[in-house]
Amino acid sequence: MREAAINLRALTEQRDLIDRAAALLGKNRSDFMLEAACERAQAVLLDQVFFKLDDERFRQFTALLDAPPGPNEGLEKLMAVKAPWQKSRRGA
């Protein structure tokens, strides 16, 4: 059983278009819209994670990942700061 409602407003022409397409697939409007929206959402999310490189660029990319990190002054300063629970108390 579905638990969450998703409400939206559409033009009559949009609703009719969706209904015709859903009917062709033997689905109701909700199932059709939910499937289409989830497919698009997955594609958007995957675009943020996966990218395509040719062989040469992939070698360059993996070389950068495998290389040791260079000096980072900001990170060194941050790591030198003691956490509040590591600081000594006055008079203790």
Protein backbone atom coordinates (compact mmCIF):
# COMPACT_ATOMS: atom_id res chain seq x y z
CA MET A 1 0.00 0.00 0.00
CA ARG A 2 1.35 3.40 -0.92
CA GLU A 3 1.80 5.76 1.98
CA ALA A 4 2.63 9.21 0.63
CA ALA A 5 0.50 11.45 -1.54
CA ILE A 6 1.95 13.50 -4.39
CA ASN A 7 -0.41 16.15 -5.70
CA LEU A 8 0.08 18.30 -8.76
CA ARG A 9 -1.96 20.41 -11.11
CA ALA A 10 -1.84 20.00 -14.87
CA LEU A 11 -3.45 21.43 -17.96
CA THR A 12 -6.32 19.37 -19.32
CA GLU A 13 -4.28 18.66 -22.43
CA GLN A 14 -1.39 17.35 -20.32
CA ARG A 15 -3.67 15.09 -18.30
CA ASP A 16 -5.28 13.74 -21.46
CA LEU A 17 -1.89 13.06 -23.04
CA ILE A 18 -0.76 11.19 -19.93
CA ASP A 19 -4.00 9.22 -19.80
CA ARG A 20 -3.67 8.17 -23.46
CA ALA A 21 -0.08 7.02 -22.97
CA ALA A 22 -0.94 5.20 -19.74
CA ALA A 23 -3.85 3.41 -21.44
CA LEU A 24 -1.55 2.23 -24.24
CA LEU A 25 0.64 0.58 -21.61
CA GLY A 26 -2.32 -0.82 -19.66
CA LYS A 27 -1.57 1.41 -16.66
CA ASN A 28 -3.57 3.90 -14.71
CA ARG A 29 -2.52 7.55 -14.55
CA SER A 30 -0.91 7.28 -11.12
CA ASP A 31 1.17 4.23 -11.97
CA PHE A 32 2.26 5.75 -15.29
CA MET A 33 3.23 9.10 -13.74
CA LEU A 34 5.01 7.53 -10.80
CA GLU A 35 7.01 5.21 -13.06
CA ALA A 36 7.94 8.06 -15.43
CA ALA A 37 8.90 10.38 -12.56
CA CYS A 38 11.01 7.69 -10.85
CA GLU A 39 12.82 6.83 -14.10
CA ARG A 40 13.66 10.51 -14.63
CA ALA A 41 14.73 10.96 -11.00
CA GLN A 42 17.06 7.96 -11.24
CA ALA A 43 18.57 9.33 -14.46
CA VAL A 44 19.22 12.72 -12.84
CA LEU A 45 20.84 11.10 -9.80
CA LEU A 46 22.95 8.75 -11.91
CA ASP A 47 24.17 11.71 -13.96
CA GLN A 48 25.65 13.06 -10.74
CA VAL A 49 27.52 9.81 -10.04
CA PHE A 50 28.51 8.32 -13.39
CA PHE A 51 30.37 9.99 -16.19
CA LYS A 52 31.90 8.70 -19.39
CA LEU A 53 35.55 9.15 -20.33
CA ASP A 54 37.54 7.94 -23.30
CA ASP A 55 40.53 5.66 -22.58
CA GLU A 56 43.09 8.45 -22.38
CA ARG A 57 41.03 10.66 -20.09
CA PHE A 58 40.21 7.64 -17.91
CA ARG A 59 43.94 6.94 -17.49
CA GLN A 60 44.51 10.58 -16.55
CA PHE A 61 41.62 10.49 -14.10
CA THR A 62 42.78 7.30 -12.39
CA ALA A 63 46.35 8.65 -12.23
CA LEU A 64 45.05 11.69 -10.36
CA LEU A 65 43.07 9.49 -7.97
CA ASP A 66 46.06 7.22 -7.34
CA ALA A 67 48.54 10.06 -6.83
CA PRO A 68 49.33 11.07 -3.24
CA PRO A 69 47.68 14.31 -2.19
CA GLY A 70 49.72 17.47 -2.45
CA PRO A 71 50.36 19.86 0.42
CA ASN A 72 47.25 21.57 1.76
CA GLU A 73 47.96 24.42 4.14
CA GLY A 74 44.33 24.82 5.14
CA LEU A 75 43.99 21.15 6.02
CA GLU A 76 47.24 21.23 8.00
CA LYS A 77 45.96 24.19 10.05
CA LEU A 78 42.67 22.44 10.65
CA MET A 79 44.34 19.22 11.79
CA ALA A 80 46.58 21.19 14.18
CA VAL A 81 43.57 22.54 16.10
CA LYS A 82 42.71 20.49 19.18
CA ALA A 83 39.14 19.34 19.61
CA PRO A 84 37.31 21.00 22.52
CA TRP A 85 37.44 17.76 24.55
CA GLN A 86 41.21 17.56 24.04
CA LYS A 87 41.95 21.04 25.37
CA SER A 88 43.24 21.17 28.93
CA ARG A 89 41.17 22.95 31.51
CA ARG A 90 42.65 25.83 33.40
CA GLY A 91 43.47 24.96 36.94
CA ALA A 92 42.74 21.29 36.46
